[in-house]
């Protein structure tokens, strides 16, 4: 006697495990991302003719391990105050020169702090 197997019933696919995985991925990426605030640094295009009319009255050298203002080493957390003191003596423009393998983060930090000094014109330069 031959017995025929019963036809298999197809069950509907449950979407609950898929939704659980998506929520777990969302939770993972939300918790693993950083919530730091990004700042903007405005760097304008050069003037026509390749340079500005006025020469900078101070030079801030951004080196990998230190900052130098007019050849004198200054603390990295005190350069905004030093530049403010220069503004009071009549120096209203500064050239920020990037030297060596300085990090971009250091340049952004310096530029954002120099932006807080009122009446200061900042020019950025670097090696070719």
PDB file of N, CA and C in Angstrom:
ATOM      1  N   UNK A   1       0.837  -1.158   0.000  1.00  0.00           N
ATOM      2  CA  UNK A   1       0.000   0.000   0.000  1.00  0.00           C
ATOM      3  C   UNK A   1       0.897   1.242   0.000  1.00  0.00           C
ATOM      4  N   UNK A   2       0.580   2.070  -0.867  1.00  0.00           N
ATOM      5  CA  UNK A   2       1.383   3.275  -1.028  1.00  0.00           C
ATOM      6  C   UNK A   2       0.701   4.452  -0.343  1.00  0.00           C
ATOM      7  N   UNK A   3       1.478   5.159   0.497  1.00  0.00           N
ATOM      8  CA  UNK A   3       0.924   6.304   1.222  1.00  0.00           C
ATOM      9  C   UNK A   3       1.521   7.582   0.620  1.00  0.00           C
ATOM     10  N   UNK A   4       0.683   8.452   0.212  1.00  0.00           N
ATOM     11  CA  UNK A   4       1.119   9.734  -0.349  1.00  0.00           C
ATOM     12  C   UNK A   4       1.380  10.714   0.801  1.00  0.00           C
ATOM     13  N   UNK A   5       2.535  11.417   0.742  1.00  0.00           N
ATOM     14  CA  UNK A   5       2.773  12.410   1.801  1.00  0.00           C
ATOM     15  C   UNK A   5       1.787  13.576   1.675  1.00  0.00           C
ATOM     16  N   UNK A   6       1.461  14.092   2.797  1.00  0.00           N
ATOM     17  CA  UNK A   6       0.543  15.227   2.815  1.00  0.00           C
ATOM     18  C   UNK A   6       1.241  16.454   2.233  1.00  0.00           C
ATOM     19  N   UNK A   7       0.549  17.267   1.509  1.00  0.00           N
ATOM     20  CA  UNK A   7       1.183  18.476   0.975  1.00  0.00           C
ATOM     21  C   UNK A   7       1.572  19.423   2.121  1.00  0.00           C
ATOM     22  N   UNK A   8       2.764  20.020   1.973  1.00  0.00           N
ATOM     23  CA  UNK A   8       3.250  20.926   3.011  1.00  0.00           C
ATOM     24  C   UNK A   8       2.551  22.268   2.878  1.00  0.00           C
ATOM     25  N   UNK A   9       2.178  22.778   4.009  1.00  0.00           N
ATOM     26  CA  UNK A   9       1.550  24.096   4.011  1.00  0.00           C
ATOM     27  C   UNK A   9       2.645  25.151   4.121  1.00  0.00           C
ATOM     28  N   UNK A  10       2.566  26.135   3.274  1.00  0.00           N
ATOM     29  CA  UNK A  10       3.541  27.235   3.314  1.00  0.00           C
ATOM     30  C   UNK A  10       3.083  28.255   4.340  1.00  0.00           C
ATOM     31  N   UNK A  11       3.989  28.491   5.275  1.00  0.00           N
ATOM     32  CA  UNK A  11       3.676  29.496   6.289  1.00  0.00           C
ATOM     33  C   UNK A  11       4.117  30.854   5.796  1.00  0.00           C
ATOM     34  N   UNK A  12       3.415  31.868   6.162  1.00  0.00           N
ATOM     35  CA  UNK A  12       3.800  33.241   5.797  1.00  0.00           C
ATOM     36  C   UNK A  12       5.066  33.623   6.553  1.00  0.00           C
ATOM     37  N   UNK A  13       5.918  34.365   5.888  1.00  0.00           N
ATOM     38  CA  UNK A  13       7.175  34.798   6.509  1.00  0.00           C
ATOM     39  C   UNK A  13       6.868  35.907   7.516  1.00  0.00           C
ATOM     40  N   UNK A  14       7.373  35.744   8.693  1.00  0.00           N
ATOM     41  CA  UNK A  14       7.163  36.733   9.739  1.00  0.00           C
ATOM     42  C   UNK A  14       8.202  37.849   9.610  1.00  0.00           C
ATOM     43  N   UNK A  15       7.753  39.079   9.634  1.00  0.00           N
ATOM     44  CA  UNK A  15       8.655  40.222   9.516  1.00  0.00           C
ATOM     45  C   UNK A  15       9.159  40.713  10.876  1.00  0.00           C
ATOM     46  N   UNK A  16       8.697  40.113  11.938  1.00  0.00           N
ATOM     47  CA  UNK A  16       9.114  40.553  13.264  1.00  0.00           C
ATOM     48  C   UNK A  16      10.624  40.425  13.477  1.00  0.00           C
ATOM     49  N   UNK A  17      11.291  39.319  13.109  1.00  0.00           N
ATOM     50  CA  UNK A  17      12.743  39.262  13.293  1.00  0.00           C
ATOM     51  C   UNK A  17      13.489  40.297  12.455  1.00  0.00           C
ATOM     52  N   UNK A  18      12.984  40.594  11.257  1.00  0.00           N
ATOM     53  CA  UNK A  18      13.628  41.597  10.421  1.00  0.00           C
ATOM     54  C   UNK A  18      13.533  42.983  11.054  1.00  0.00           C
ATOM     55  N   UNK A  19      12.378  43.313  11.587  1.00  0.00           N
ATOM     56  CA  UNK A  19      12.201  44.607  12.261  1.00  0.00           C
ATOM     57  C   UNK A  19      13.088  44.679  13.494  1.00  0.00           C
ATOM     58  N   UNK A  20      13.217  43.575  14.230  1.00  0.00           N
ATOM     59  CA  UNK A  20      14.095  43.551  15.403  1.00  0.00           C
ATOM     60  C   UNK A  20      15.547  43.812  15.012  1.00  0.00           C
ATOM     61  N   UNK A  21      15.998  43.211  13.940  1.00  0.00           N
ATOM     62  CA  UNK A  21      17.382  43.414  13.482  1.00  0.00           C
ATOM     63  C   UNK A  21      17.594  44.857  13.053  1.00  0.00           C
ATOM     64  N   UNK A  22      16.634  45.427  12.357  1.00  0.00           N
ATOM     65  CA  UNK A  22      16.766  46.828  11.924  1.00  0.00           C
ATOM     66  C   UNK A  22      16.842  47.750  13.127  1.00  0.00           C
ATOM     67  N   UNK A  23      16.012  47.529  14.128  1.00  0.00           N
ATOM     68  CA  UNK A  23      16.065  48.371  15.325  1.00  0.00           C
ATOM     69  C   UNK A  23      17.381  48.185  16.086  1.00  0.00           C
ATOM     70  N   UNK A  24      17.888  46.977  16.126  1.00  0.00           N
ATOM     71  CA  UNK A  24      19.178  46.752  16.778  1.00  0.00           C
ATOM     72  C   UNK A  24      20.307  47.471  16.037  1.00  0.00           C
ATOM     73  N   UNK A  25      20.285  47.445  14.712  1.00  0.00           N
ATOM     74  CA  UNK A  25      21.297  48.169  13.940  1.00  0.00           C
ATOM     75  C   UNK A  25      21.179  49.672  14.162  1.00  0.00           C
ATOM     76  N   UNK A  26      19.966  50.177  14.170  1.00  0.00           N
ATOM     77  CA  UNK A  26      19.746  51.589  14.418  1.00  0.00           C
ATOM     78  C   UNK A  26      20.260  51.994  15.794  1.00  0.00           C
ATOM     79  N   UNK A  27      19.960  51.189  16.781  1.00  0.00           N
ATOM     80  CA  UNK A  27      20.432  51.461  18.137  1.00  0.00           C
ATOM     81  C   UNK A  27      21.955  51.424  18.212  1.00  0.00           C
ATOM     82  N   UNK A  28      22.562  50.449  17.552  1.00  0.00           N
ATOM     83  CA  UNK A  28      24.021  50.347  17.558  1.00  0.00           C
ATOM     84  C   UNK A  28      24.659  51.588  16.935  1.00  0.00           C
ATOM     85  N   UNK A  29      24.188  52.010  15.775  1.00  0.00           N
ATOM     86  CA  UNK A  29      24.798  53.161  15.116  1.00  0.00           C
ATOM     87  C   UNK A  29      24.531  54.461  15.867  1.00  0.00           C
ATOM     88  N   UNK A  30      23.397  54.563  16.520  1.00  0.00           N
ATOM     89  CA  UNK A  30      23.135  55.770  17.315  1.00  0.00           C
ATOM     90  C   UNK A  30      24.057  55.846  18.522  1.00  0.00           C
ATOM     91  N   UNK A  31      24.303  54.717  19.159  1.00  0.00           N
ATOM     92  CA  UNK A  31      25.147  54.724  20.354  1.00  0.00           C
ATOM     93  C   UNK A  31      26.633  54.786  20.028  1.00  0.00           C
ATOM     94  N   UNK A  32      27.024  54.313  18.868  1.00  0.00           N
ATOM     95  CA  UNK A  32      28.447  54.312  18.539  1.00  0.00           C
ATOM     96  C   UNK A  32      28.905  55.584  17.838  1.00  0.00           C
ATOM     97  N   UNK A  33      27.986  56.435  17.434  1.00  0.00           N
ATOM     98  CA  UNK A  33      28.389  57.676  16.769  1.00  0.00           C
ATOM     99  C   UNK A  33      28.748  58.727  17.818  1.00  0.00           C
ATOM    100  N   UNK A  34      29.584  59.661  17.408  1.00  0.00           N
ATOM    101  CA  UNK A  34      29.975  60.737  18.313  1.00  0.00           C
ATOM    102  C   UNK A  34      29.042  61.913  18.122  1.00  0.00           C
ATOM    103  N   UNK A  35      28.831  62.619  19.173  1.00  0.00           N
ATOM    104  CA  UNK A  35      27.930  63.772  19.143  1.00  0.00           C
ATOM    105  C   UNK A  35      28.719  65.062  19.316  1.00  0.00           C
ATOM    106  N   UNK A  36      29.814  65.184  18.598  1.00  0.00           N
ATOM    107  CA  UNK A  36      30.600  66.399  18.702  1.00  0.00           C
ATOM    108  C   UNK A  36      30.025  67.457  17.786  1.00  0.00           C
ATOM    109  N   UNK A  37      30.272  68.686  18.161  1.00  0.00           N
ATOM    110  CA  UNK A  37      29.792  69.799  17.354  1.00  0.00           C
ATOM    111  C   UNK A  37      30.879  70.185  16.358  1.00  0.00           C
ATOM    112  N   UNK A  38      30.509  70.246  15.110  1.00  0.00           N
ATOM    113  CA  UNK A  38      31.456  70.616  14.082  1.00  0.00           C
ATOM    114  C   UNK A  38      31.371  72.118  13.852  1.00  0.00           C
ATOM    115  N   UNK A  39      32.517  72.748  13.750  1.00  0.00           N
ATOM    116  CA  UNK A  39      32.547  74.173  13.499  1.00  0.00           C
ATOM    117  C   UNK A  39      32.916  74.472  12.063  1.00  0.00           C
ATOM    118  N   UNK A  40      32.625  75.660  11.664  1.00  0.00           N
ATOM    119  CA  UNK A  40      32.969  76.069  10.322  1.00  0.00           C
ATOM    120  C   UNK A  40      34.125  77.043  10.379  1.00  0.00           C
ATOM    121  N   UNK A  41      35.031  76.885   9.453  1.00  0.00           N
ATOM    122  CA  UNK A  41      36.145  77.806   9.315  1.00  0.00           C
ATOM    123  C   UNK A  41      36.038  78.392   7.921  1.00  0.00           C
ATOM    124  N   UNK A  42      35.860  79.689   7.851  1.00  0.00           N
ATOM    125  CA  UNK A  42      35.733  80.341   6.556  1.00  0.00           C
ATOM    126  C   UNK A  42      37.116  80.684   6.026  1.00  0.00           C
ATOM    127  N   UNK A  43      37.406  80.179   4.852  1.00  0.00           N
ATOM    128  CA  UNK A  43      38.656  80.517   4.173  1.00  0.00           C
ATOM    129  C   UNK A  43      38.259  81.079   2.823  1.00  0.00           C
ATOM    130  N   UNK A  44      38.532  82.351   2.622  1.00  0.00           N
ATOM    131  CA  UNK A  44      38.124  83.015   1.395  1.00  0.00           C
ATOM    132  C   UNK A  44      39.085  82.737   0.256  1.00  0.00           C
ATOM    133  N   UNK A  45      38.615  83.030  -0.931  1.00  0.00           N
ATOM    134  CA  UNK A  45      39.446  82.868  -2.121  1.00  0.00           C
ATOM    135  C   UNK A  45      40.492  83.987  -2.163  1.00  0.00           C
ATOM    136  N   UNK A  46      41.641  83.753  -2.788  1.00  0.00           N
ATOM    137  CA  UNK A  46      42.643  84.798  -2.869  1.00  0.00           C
ATOM    138  C   UNK A  46      42.161  85.964  -3.713  1.00  0.00           C
ATOM    139  N   UNK A  47      42.723  87.117  -3.438  1.00  0.00           N
ATOM    140  CA  UNK A  47      42.360  88.314  -4.179  1.00  0.00           C
ATOM    141  C   UNK A  47      42.897  88.226  -5.606  1.00  0.00           C
ATOM    142  N   UNK A  48      42.310  89.031  -6.484  1.00  0.00           N
ATOM    143  CA  UNK A  48      42.760  89.058  -7.872  1.00  0.00           C
ATOM    144  C   UNK A  48      44.193  89.564  -7.908  1.00  0.00           C
ATOM    145  N   UNK A  49      45.037  88.896  -8.621  1.00  0.00           N
ATOM    146  CA  UNK A  49      46.438  89.292  -8.677  1.00  0.00           C
ATOM    147  C   UNK A  49      47.296  88.468  -7.737  1.00  0.00           C
ATOM    148  N   UNK A  50      46.688  87.551  -6.977  1.00  0.00           N
ATOM    149  CA  UNK A  50      47.473  86.624  -6.188  1.00  0.00           C
ATOM    150  C   UNK A  50      47.737  87.026  -4.758  1.00  0.00           C
ATOM    151  N   UNK A  51      47.239  88.135  -4.281  1.00  0.00           N
ATOM    152  CA  UNK A  51      47.495  88.479  -2.890  1.00  0.00           C
ATOM    153  C   UNK A  51      46.684  89.668  -2.458  1.00  0.00           C
ATOM    154  N   UNK A  52      46.730  89.958  -1.192  1.00  0.00           N
ATOM    155  CA  UNK A  52      45.990  91.102  -0.678  1.00  0.00           C
ATOM    156  C   UNK A  52      46.877  92.338  -0.722  1.00  0.00           C
ATOM    157  N   UNK A  53      46.247  93.474  -0.552  1.00  0.00           N
ATOM    158  CA  UNK A  53      46.995  94.735  -0.657  1.00  0.00           C
ATOM    159  C   UNK A  53      47.860  94.990   0.568  1.00  0.00           C
ATOM    160  N   UNK A  54      47.333  94.708   1.753  1.00  0.00           N
ATOM    161  CA  UNK A  54      48.062  95.017   2.975  1.00  0.00           C
ATOM    162  C   UNK A  54      48.888  93.810   3.414  1.00  0.00           C
ATOM    163  N   UNK A  55      50.067  94.092   3.889  1.00  0.00           N
ATOM    164  CA  UNK A  55      50.921  93.029   4.427  1.00  0.00           C
ATOM    165  C   UNK A  55      50.496  92.723   5.855  1.00  0.00           C
ATOM    166  N   UNK A  56      50.548  91.464   6.258  1.00  0.00           N
ATOM    167  CA  UNK A  56      50.188  91.140   7.638  1.00  0.00           C
ATOM    168  C   UNK A  56      51.207  91.718   8.612  1.00  0.00           C
ATOM    169  N   UNK A  57      50.717  92.111   9.779  1.00  0.00           N
ATOM    170  CA  UNK A  57      51.598  92.728  10.769  1.00  0.00           C
ATOM    171  C   UNK A  57      52.113  91.721  11.786  1.00  0.00           C
ATOM    172  N   UNK A  58      51.591  90.498  11.723  1.00  0.00           N
ATOM    173  CA  UNK A  58      52.047  89.440  12.627  1.00  0.00           C
ATOM    174  C   UNK A  58      51.978  88.115  11.883  1.00  0.00           C
ATOM    175  N   UNK A  59      52.850  87.183  12.265  1.00  0.00           N
ATOM    176  CA  UNK A  59      52.885  85.864  11.655  1.00  0.00           C
ATOM    177  C   UNK A  59      52.759  84.820  12.763  1.00  0.00           C
ATOM    178  N   UNK A  60      51.776  83.953  12.599  1.00  0.00           N
ATOM    179  CA  UNK A  60      51.577  82.849  13.535  1.00  0.00           C
ATOM    180  C   UNK A  60      51.949  81.570  12.804  1.00  0.00           C
ATOM    181  N   UNK A  61      53.048  80.950  13.219  1.00  0.00           N
ATOM    182  CA  UNK A  61      53.526  79.707  12.610  1.00  0.00           C
ATOM    183  C   UNK A  61      52.874  78.531  13.341  1.00  0.00           C
ATOM    184  N   UNK A  62      52.175  77.698  12.589  1.00  0.00           N
ATOM    185  CA  UNK A  62      51.542  76.496  13.146  1.00  0.00           C
ATOM    186  C   UNK A  62      52.455  75.331  12.818  1.00  0.00           C
ATOM    187  N   UNK A  63      53.146  74.843  13.828  1.00  0.00           N
ATOM    188  CA  UNK A  63      54.059  73.718  13.679  1.00  0.00           C
ATOM    189  C   UNK A  63      53.443  72.501  14.367  1.00  0.00           C
ATOM    190  N   UNK A  64      53.911  71.284  14.058  1.00  0.00           N
ATOM    191  CA  UNK A  64      53.293  70.094  14.651  1.00  0.00           C
ATOM    192  C   UNK A  64      53.320  70.070  16.176  1.00  0.00           C
ATOM    193  N   UNK A  65      54.355  70.611  16.796  1.00  0.00           N
ATOM    194  CA  UNK A  65      54.475  70.502  18.250  1.00  0.00           C
ATOM    195  C   UNK A  65      54.366  71.827  18.993  1.00  0.00           C
ATOM    196  N   UNK A  66      54.278  72.946  18.258  1.00  0.00           N
ATOM    197  CA  UNK A  66      54.200  74.242  18.949  1.00  0.00           C
ATOM    198  C   UNK A  66      53.648  75.305  18.015  1.00  0.00           C
ATOM    199  N   UNK A  67      53.339  76.453  18.616  1.00  0.00           N
ATOM    200  CA  UNK A  67      52.918  77.637  17.879  1.00  0.00           C
ATOM    201  C   UNK A  67      53.937  78.731  18.139  1.00  0.00           C
ATOM    202  N   UNK A  68      54.261  79.485  17.093  1.00  0.00           N
ATOM    203  CA  UNK A  68      55.180  80.616  17.264  1.00  0.00           C
ATOM    204  C   UNK A  68      54.507  81.863  16.717  1.00  0.00           C
ATOM    205  N   UNK A  69      54.471  82.911  17.520  1.00  0.00           N
ATOM    206  CA  UNK A  69      53.909  84.195  17.121  1.00  0.00           C
ATOM    207  C   UNK A  69      55.057  85.179  16.978  1.00  0.00           C
ATOM    208  N   UNK A  70      55.303  85.608  15.742  1.00  0.00           N
ATOM    209  CA  UNK A  70      56.427  86.499  15.418  1.00  0.00           C
ATOM    210  C   UNK A  70      57.754  85.928  15.912  1.00  0.00           C
ATOM    211  N   UNK A  71      57.931  84.626  15.748  1.00  0.00           N
ATOM    212  CA  UNK A  71      59.177  83.965  16.101  1.00  0.00           C
ATOM    213  C   UNK A  71      59.292  83.537  17.549  1.00  0.00           C
ATOM    214  N   UNK A  72      58.332  83.917  18.388  1.00  0.00           N
ATOM    215  CA  UNK A  72      58.370  83.589  19.814  1.00  0.00           C
ATOM    216  C   UNK A  72      57.370  82.473  20.097  1.00  0.00           C
ATOM    217  N   UNK A  73      57.823  81.413  20.757  1.00  0.00           N
ATOM    218  CA  UNK A  73      56.954  80.277  21.069  1.00  0.00           C
ATOM    219  C   UNK A  73      55.889  80.704  22.068  1.00  0.00           C
ATOM    220  N   UNK A  74      54.655  80.278  21.812  1.00  0.00           N
ATOM    221  CA  UNK A  74      53.550  80.579  22.721  1.00  0.00           C
ATOM    222  C   UNK A  74      52.821  79.276  23.042  1.00  0.00           C
ATOM    223  N   UNK A  75      52.086  79.298  24.140  1.00  0.00           N
ATOM    224  CA  UNK A  75      51.311  78.119  24.536  1.00  0.00           C
ATOM    225  C   UNK A  75      50.112  77.960  23.621  1.00  0.00           C
ATOM    226  N   UNK A  76      49.754  76.723  23.315  1.00  0.00           N
ATOM    227  CA  UNK A  76      48.657  76.485  22.385  1.00  0.00           C
ATOM    228  C   UNK A  76      47.308  76.911  22.952  1.00  0.00           C
ATOM    229  N   UNK A  77      47.185  76.948  24.263  1.00  0.00           N
ATOM    230  CA  UNK A  77      45.911  77.355  24.845  1.00  0.00           C
ATOM    231  C   UNK A  77      45.848  78.852  25.127  1.00  0.00           C
ATOM    232  N   UNK A  78      46.919  79.594  24.817  1.00  0.00           N
ATOM    233  CA  UNK A  78      46.978  81.011  25.151  1.00  0.00           C
ATOM    234  C   UNK A  78      47.147  81.885  23.911  1.00  0.00           C
ATOM    235  N   UNK A  79      47.090  81.337  22.715  1.00  0.00           N
ATOM    236  CA  UNK A  79      47.402  82.147  21.545  1.00  0.00           C
ATOM    237  C   UNK A  79      46.329  83.185  21.241  1.00  0.00           C
ATOM    238  N   UNK A  80      45.067  82.962  21.592  1.00  0.00           N
ATOM    239  CA  UNK A  80      44.032  83.964  21.351  1.00  0.00           C
ATOM    240  C   UNK A  80      44.287  85.211  22.194  1.00  0.00           C
ATOM    241  N   UNK A  81      44.739  85.023  23.428  1.00  0.00           N
ATOM    242  CA  UNK A  81      45.050  86.175  24.288  1.00  0.00           C
ATOM    243  C   UNK A  81      46.272  86.925  23.771  1.00  0.00           C
ATOM    244  N   UNK A  82      47.271  86.194  23.286  1.00  0.00           N
ATOM    245  CA  UNK A  82      48.466  86.842  22.738  1.00  0.00           C
ATOM    246  C   UNK A  82      48.123  87.647  21.492  1.00  0.00           C
ATOM    247  N   UNK A  83      47.260  87.107  20.645  1.00  0.00           N
ATOM    248  CA  UNK A  83      46.859  87.828  19.439  1.00  0.00           C
ATOM    249  C   UNK A  83      45.995  89.030  19.809  1.00  0.00           C
ATOM    250  N   UNK A  84      45.158  88.900  20.824  1.00  0.00           N
ATOM    251  CA  UNK A  84      44.363  90.049  21.285  1.00  0.00           C
ATOM    252  C   UNK A  84      45.264  91.175  21.766  1.00  0.00           C
ATOM    253  N   UNK A  85      46.372  90.828  22.431  1.00  0.00           N
ATOM    254  CA  UNK A  85      47.320  91.849  22.874  1.00  0.00           C
ATOM    255  C   UNK A  85      47.963  92.543  21.674  1.00  0.00           C
ATOM    256  N   UNK A  86      48.210  91.811  20.599  1.00  0.00           N
ATOM    257  CA  UNK A  86      48.752  92.431  19.384  1.00  0.00           C
ATOM    258  C   UNK A  86      47.747  93.383  18.746  1.00  0.00           C
ATOM    259  N   UNK A  87      46.466  93.039  18.796  1.00  0.00           N
ATOM    260  CA  UNK A  87      45.431  93.898  18.234  1.00  0.00           C
ATOM    261  C   UNK A  87      45.406  95.235  18.960  1.00  0.00           C
ATOM    262  N   UNK A  88      45.591  95.184  20.271  1.00  0.00           N
ATOM    263  CA  UNK A  88      45.576  96.418  21.056  1.00  0.00           C
ATOM    264  C   UNK A  88      46.746  97.324  20.707  1.00  0.00           C
ATOM    265  N   UNK A  89      47.841  96.769  20.195  1.00  0.00           N
ATOM    266  CA  UNK A  89      48.986  97.589  19.810  1.00  0.00           C
ATOM    267  C   UNK A  89      48.904  98.058  18.362  1.00  0.00           C
ATOM    268  N   UNK A  90      47.792  97.790  17.683  1.00  0.00           N
ATOM    269  CA  UNK A  90      47.615  98.297  16.330  1.00  0.00           C
ATOM    270  C   UNK A  90      47.803  97.260  15.237  1.00  0.00           C
ATOM    271  N   UNK A  91      48.154  96.049  15.555  1.00  0.00           N
ATOM    272  CA  UNK A  91      48.273  95.000  14.546  1.00  0.00           C
ATOM    273  C   UNK A  91      46.886  94.411  14.302  1.00  0.00           C
ATOM    274  N   UNK A  92      46.339  94.660  13.136  1.00  0.00           N
ATOM    275  CA  UNK A  92      44.988  94.195  12.860  1.00  0.00           C
ATOM    276  C   UNK A  92      44.934  93.068  11.836  1.00  0.00           C
ATOM    277  N   UNK A  93      46.078  92.599  11.369  1.00  0.00           N
ATOM    278  CA  UNK A  93      46.091  91.490  10.419  1.00  0.00           C
ATOM    279  C   UNK A  93      47.176  90.499  10.823  1.00  0.00           C
ATOM    280  N   UNK A  94      46.898  89.219  10.555  1.00  0.00           N
ATOM    281  CA  UNK A  94      47.823  88.167  10.935  1.00  0.00           C
ATOM    282  C   UNK A  94      47.876  87.137   9.817  1.00  0.00           C
ATOM    283  N   UNK A  95      49.048  86.592   9.600  1.00  0.00           N
ATOM    284  CA  UNK A  95      49.246  85.513   8.643  1.00  0.00           C
ATOM    285  C   UNK A  95      49.435  84.224   9.432  1.00  0.00           C
ATOM    286  N   UNK A  96      48.592  83.244   9.177  1.00  0.00           N
ATOM    287  CA  UNK A  96      48.722  81.927   9.803  1.00  0.00           C
ATOM    288  C   UNK A  96      49.420  81.041   8.786  1.00  0.00           C
ATOM    289  N   UNK A  97      50.636  80.623   9.109  1.00  0.00           N
ATOM    290  CA  UNK A  97      51.443  79.820   8.188  1.00  0.00           C
ATOM    291  C   UNK A  97      51.547  78.404   8.729  1.00  0.00           C
ATOM    292  N   UNK A  98      51.107  77.450   7.915  1.00  0.00           N
ATOM    293  CA  UNK A  98      51.135  76.044   8.300  1.00  0.00           C
ATOM    294  C   UNK A  98      52.470  75.469   7.877  1.00  0.00           C
ATOM    295  N   UNK A  99      53.188  74.906   8.809  1.00  0.00           N
ATOM    296  CA  UNK A  99      54.529  74.411   8.520  1.00  0.00           C
ATOM    297  C   UNK A  99      54.646  72.941   8.876  1.00  0.00           C
ATOM    298  N   UNK A 100      55.342  72.188   8.048  1.00  0.00           N
ATOM    299  CA  UNK A 100      55.608  70.782   8.334  1.00  0.00           C
ATOM    300  C   UNK A 100      54.359  69.937   8.224  1.00  0.00           C
ATOM    301  N   UNK A 101      54.269  68.955   9.072  1.00  0.00           N
ATOM    302  CA  UNK A 101      53.139  68.026   9.042  1.00  0.00           C
ATOM    303  C   UNK A 101      52.131  68.369  10.137  1.00  0.00           C
ATOM    304  N   UNK A 102      51.753  69.627  10.226  1.00  0.00           N
ATOM    305  CA  UNK A 102      50.769  70.044  11.220  1.00  0.00           C
ATOM    306  C   UNK A 102      49.427  69.412  10.909  1.00  0.00           C
ATOM    307  N   UNK A 103      48.696  69.089  11.952  1.00  0.00           N
ATOM    308  CA  UNK A 103      47.399  68.432  11.750  1.00  0.00           C
ATOM    309  C   UNK A 103      46.347  69.457  11.351  1.00  0.00           C
ATOM    310  N   UNK A 104      45.375  68.963  10.629  1.00  0.00           N
ATOM    311  CA  UNK A 104      44.265  69.818  10.226  1.00  0.00           C
ATOM    312  C   UNK A 104      43.462  70.244  11.439  1.00  0.00           C
ATOM    313  N   UNK A 105      43.361  69.375  12.433  1.00  0.00           N
ATOM    314  CA  UNK A 105      42.616  69.718  13.639  1.00  0.00           C
ATOM    315  C   UNK A 105      43.243  70.897  14.364  1.00  0.00           C
ATOM    316  N   UNK A 106      44.570  70.942  14.407  1.00  0.00           N
ATOM    317  CA  UNK A 106      45.250  72.068  15.043  1.00  0.00           C
ATOM    318  C   UNK A 106      44.956  73.357  14.294  1.00  0.00           C
ATOM    319  N   UNK A 107      44.966  73.315  12.962  1.00  0.00           N
ATOM    320  CA  UNK A 107      44.654  74.510  12.172  1.00  0.00           C
ATOM    321  C   UNK A 107      43.225  74.964  12.416  1.00  0.00           C
ATOM    322  N   UNK A 108      42.284  74.032  12.456  1.00  0.00           N
ATOM    323  CA  UNK A 108      40.890  74.392  12.690  1.00  0.00           C
ATOM    324  C   UNK A 108      40.721  74.987  14.078  1.00  0.00           C
ATOM    325  N   UNK A 109      41.396  74.433  15.068  1.00  0.00           N
ATOM    326  CA  UNK A 109      41.331  74.979  16.429  1.00  0.00           C
ATOM    327  C   UNK A 109      41.877  76.390  16.480  1.00  0.00           C
ATOM    328  N   UNK A 110      43.024  76.614  15.846  1.00  0.00           N
ATOM    329  CA  UNK A 110      43.631  77.949  15.834  1.00  0.00           C
ATOM    330  C   UNK A 110      42.721  78.934  15.116  1.00  0.00           C
ATOM    331  N   UNK A 111      42.181  78.531  13.964  1.00  0.00           N
ATOM    332  CA  UNK A 111      41.322  79.440  13.196  1.00  0.00           C
ATOM    333  C   UNK A 111      40.035  79.768  13.941  1.00  0.00           C
ATOM    334  N   UNK A 112      39.444  78.796  14.609  1.00  0.00           N
ATOM    335  CA  UNK A 112      38.201  79.066  15.338  1.00  0.00           C
ATOM    336  C   UNK A 112      38.450  79.982  16.530  1.00  0.00           C
ATOM    337  N   UNK A 113      39.609  79.866  17.166  1.00  0.00           N
ATOM    338  CA  UNK A 113      39.906  80.762  18.286  1.00  0.00           C
ATOM    339  C   UNK A 113      40.290  82.151  17.795  1.00  0.00           C
ATOM    340  N   UNK A 114      40.939  82.242  16.636  1.00  0.00           N
ATOM    341  CA  UNK A 114      41.265  83.555  16.096  1.00  0.00           C
ATOM    342  C   UNK A 114      40.016  84.279  15.611  1.00  0.00           C
ATOM    343  N   UNK A 115      38.982  83.522  15.270  1.00  0.00           N
ATOM    344  CA  UNK A 115      37.734  84.130  14.830  1.00  0.00           C
ATOM    345  C   UNK A 115      37.057  84.890  15.964  1.00  0.00           C
ATOM    346  N   UNK A 116      37.386  84.552  17.202  1.00  0.00           N
ATOM    347  CA  UNK A 116      36.771  85.231  18.344  1.00  0.00           C
ATOM    348  C   UNK A 116      37.420  86.581  18.637  1.00  0.00           C
ATOM    349  N   UNK A 117      38.585  86.857  18.037  1.00  0.00           N
ATOM    350  CA  UNK A 117      39.265  88.127  18.273  1.00  0.00           C
ATOM    351  C   UNK A 117      38.627  89.183  17.375  1.00  0.00           C
ATOM    352  N   UNK A 118      38.029  90.232  17.956  1.00  0.00           N
ATOM    353  CA  UNK A 118      37.347  91.236  17.131  1.00  0.00           C
ATOM    354  C   UNK A 118      38.345  92.107  16.367  1.00  0.00           C
ATOM    355  N   UNK A 119      37.998  92.432  15.136  1.00  0.00           N
ATOM    356  CA  UNK A 119      38.799  93.341  14.323  1.00  0.00           C
ATOM    357  C   UNK A 119      40.045  92.729  13.727  1.00  0.00           C
ATOM    358  N   UNK A 120      40.127  91.413  13.662  1.00  0.00           N
ATOM    359  CA  UNK A 120      41.326  90.742  13.163  1.00  0.00           C
ATOM    360  C   UNK A 120      41.069  90.196  11.766  1.00  0.00           C
ATOM    361  N   UNK A 121      42.012  90.486  10.860  1.00  0.00           N
ATOM    362  CA  UNK A 121      41.984  89.923   9.508  1.00  0.00           C
ATOM    363  C   UNK A 121      42.984  88.783   9.472  1.00  0.00           C
ATOM    364  N   UNK A 122      42.520  87.578   9.121  1.00  0.00           N
ATOM    365  CA  UNK A 122      43.364  86.388   9.145  1.00  0.00           C
ATOM    366  C   UNK A 122      43.591  85.931   7.707  1.00  0.00           C
ATOM    367  N   UNK A 123      44.863  85.664   7.382  1.00  0.00           N
ATOM    368  CA  UNK A 123      45.246  85.097   6.100  1.00  0.00           C
ATOM    369  C   UNK A 123      45.954  83.779   6.370  1.00  0.00           C
ATOM    370  N   UNK A 124      45.613  82.741   5.587  1.00  0.00           N
ATOM    371  CA  UNK A 124      46.198  81.415   5.778  1.00  0.00           C
ATOM    372  C   UNK A 124      47.127  81.127   4.607  1.00  0.00           C
ATOM    373  N   UNK A 125      48.315  80.624   4.923  1.00  0.00           N
ATOM    374  CA  UNK A 125      49.281  80.242   3.892  1.00  0.00           C
ATOM    375  C   UNK A 125      49.948  78.940   4.303  1.00  0.00           C
ATOM    376  N   UNK A 126      50.566  78.296   3.330  1.00  0.00           N
ATOM    377  CA  UNK A 126      51.259  77.046   3.607  1.00  0.00           C
ATOM    378  C   UNK A 126      52.284  76.778   2.537  1.00  0.00           C
ATOM    379  N   UNK A 127      53.072  75.757   2.714  1.00  0.00           N
ATOM    380  CA  UNK A 127      54.092  75.432   1.703  1.00  0.00           C
ATOM    381  C   UNK A 127      53.438  74.940   0.431  1.00  0.00           C
ATOM    382  N   UNK A 128      54.145  75.088  -0.661  1.00  0.00           N
ATOM    383  CA  UNK A 128      53.618  74.655  -1.958  1.00  0.00           C
ATOM    384  C   UNK A 128      53.601  73.166  -2.070  1.00  0.00           C
TER     385      UNK A 128
END
